[in-house]
Protein backbone atom coordinates (compact mmCIF):
# COMPACT_ATOMS: atom_id res chain seq x y z
CA MET A 1 -54.90 4.59 11.39
CA THR A 2 -55.18 0.84 11.04
CA ALA A 3 -51.76 -0.33 12.24
CA GLU A 4 -51.60 -3.11 14.77
CA LYS A 5 -49.71 -2.50 18.00
CA GLY A 6 -46.18 -3.79 18.29
CA ARG A 7 -45.24 -4.04 14.61
CA LEU A 8 -42.08 -1.92 14.79
CA HIS A 9 -40.07 -5.11 15.29
CA LEU A 10 -40.82 -5.92 11.64
CA LEU A 11 -38.70 -2.98 10.47
CA THR A 12 -35.05 -3.31 9.52
CA PRO A 13 -32.50 -1.18 11.38
CA MET A 14 -32.30 1.20 8.39
CA GLU A 15 -36.09 1.47 8.19
CA LYS A 16 -36.12 2.38 11.88
CA ARG A 17 -33.51 5.10 11.27
CA VAL A 18 -35.57 6.45 8.38
CA LEU A 19 -38.69 6.36 10.54
CA MET A 20 -36.96 8.31 13.30
CA LEU A 21 -36.20 11.05 10.79
CA VAL A 22 -39.75 10.97 9.43
CA VAL A 23 -40.89 11.58 13.03
CA VAL A 24 -39.05 14.92 13.04
CA ALA A 25 -40.56 15.87 9.66
CA LYS A 26 -37.43 15.50 7.53
CA SER A 27 -37.93 15.32 3.77
CA ASN A 28 -36.69 12.39 1.72
CA ARG A 29 -33.79 14.54 0.51
CA GLU A 30 -32.86 15.52 4.09
CA ILE A 31 -33.09 11.91 5.26
CA ALA A 32 -30.94 10.78 2.34
CA ALA A 33 -28.25 13.33 3.19
CA ALA A 34 -28.30 12.41 6.89
CA LEU A 35 -27.99 8.68 6.20
CA GLY A 36 -25.73 8.77 3.16
CA ILE A 37 -28.23 7.13 0.82
CA SER A 38 -30.17 8.32 -2.23
CA PRO A 39 -33.59 9.97 -2.02
CA SER A 40 -35.04 7.11 -4.09
CA THR A 41 -33.72 4.62 -1.52
CA VAL A 42 -35.38 6.68 1.22
CA LYS A 43 -38.63 6.60 -0.75
CA ARG A 44 -38.40 2.81 -0.97
CA HIS A 45 -37.74 2.55 2.78
CA VAL A 46 -40.75 4.78 3.53
CA GLU A 47 -42.92 2.63 1.25
CA ASN A 48 -41.69 -0.50 3.06
CA ILE A 49 -42.40 1.08 6.46
CA LEU A 50 -45.93 2.01 5.46
CA GLY A 51 -46.57 -1.48 4.11
CA LYS A 52 -45.18 -3.31 7.13
CA LEU A 53 -47.07 -1.10 9.57
CA HIS A 54 -50.28 -1.07 7.48
CA LEU A 55 -50.31 2.73 7.34
CA LYS A 56 -51.36 5.17 4.63
CA ASN A 57 -48.86 8.03 4.91
CA ARG A 58 -45.82 9.51 6.65
CA VAL A 59 -47.89 11.37 9.21
CA GLU A 60 -49.56 8.16 10.36
CA ALA A 61 -46.13 6.50 10.50
CA ALA A 62 -44.70 9.30 12.64
CA VAL A 63 -47.65 9.24 15.04
CA TYR A 64 -47.48 5.45 15.26
CA ALA A 65 -43.73 5.51 15.99
CA VAL A 66 -44.10 8.07 18.78
CA ARG A 67 -47.05 6.21 20.32
CA GLU A 68 -45.19 2.89 20.24
CA GLY A 69 -42.24 4.52 21.99
CA ASP A 70 -39.47 2.89 19.94
CA CYS A 71 -38.85 6.04 17.93
CA PRO A 72 -39.17 8.93 20.36
CA ARG A 73 -38.80 12.46 19.04
CA GLU A 74 -35.72 12.99 21.20
CA ALA A 75 -33.87 10.03 19.66
CA ALA A 76 -34.88 11.11 16.19
CA GLY A 77 -33.53 14.58 16.86
CA GLU A 78 -30.21 13.15 17.99
CA GLU A 79 -30.00 11.02 14.82
CA ALA A 80 -30.70 14.06 12.66
CA ALA A 81 -28.05 16.20 14.37
């Protein structure tokens, strides 16, 4: 993982919501349904998240979010419910 610390502030509010759902291992289709957007829009948000955080994949993004503390698993679970 090559992300720099403290980069979550670069994400938009929607990207943060998507990231919270990535943390709890939701698929693009599940995220889309939860947020009322299309799966292709979710894919674009995930791509933006990875680019802004300098990460390679969703797993790295989830680990980074939990470590940074702005997207705790508990909050993500509440968003998904």
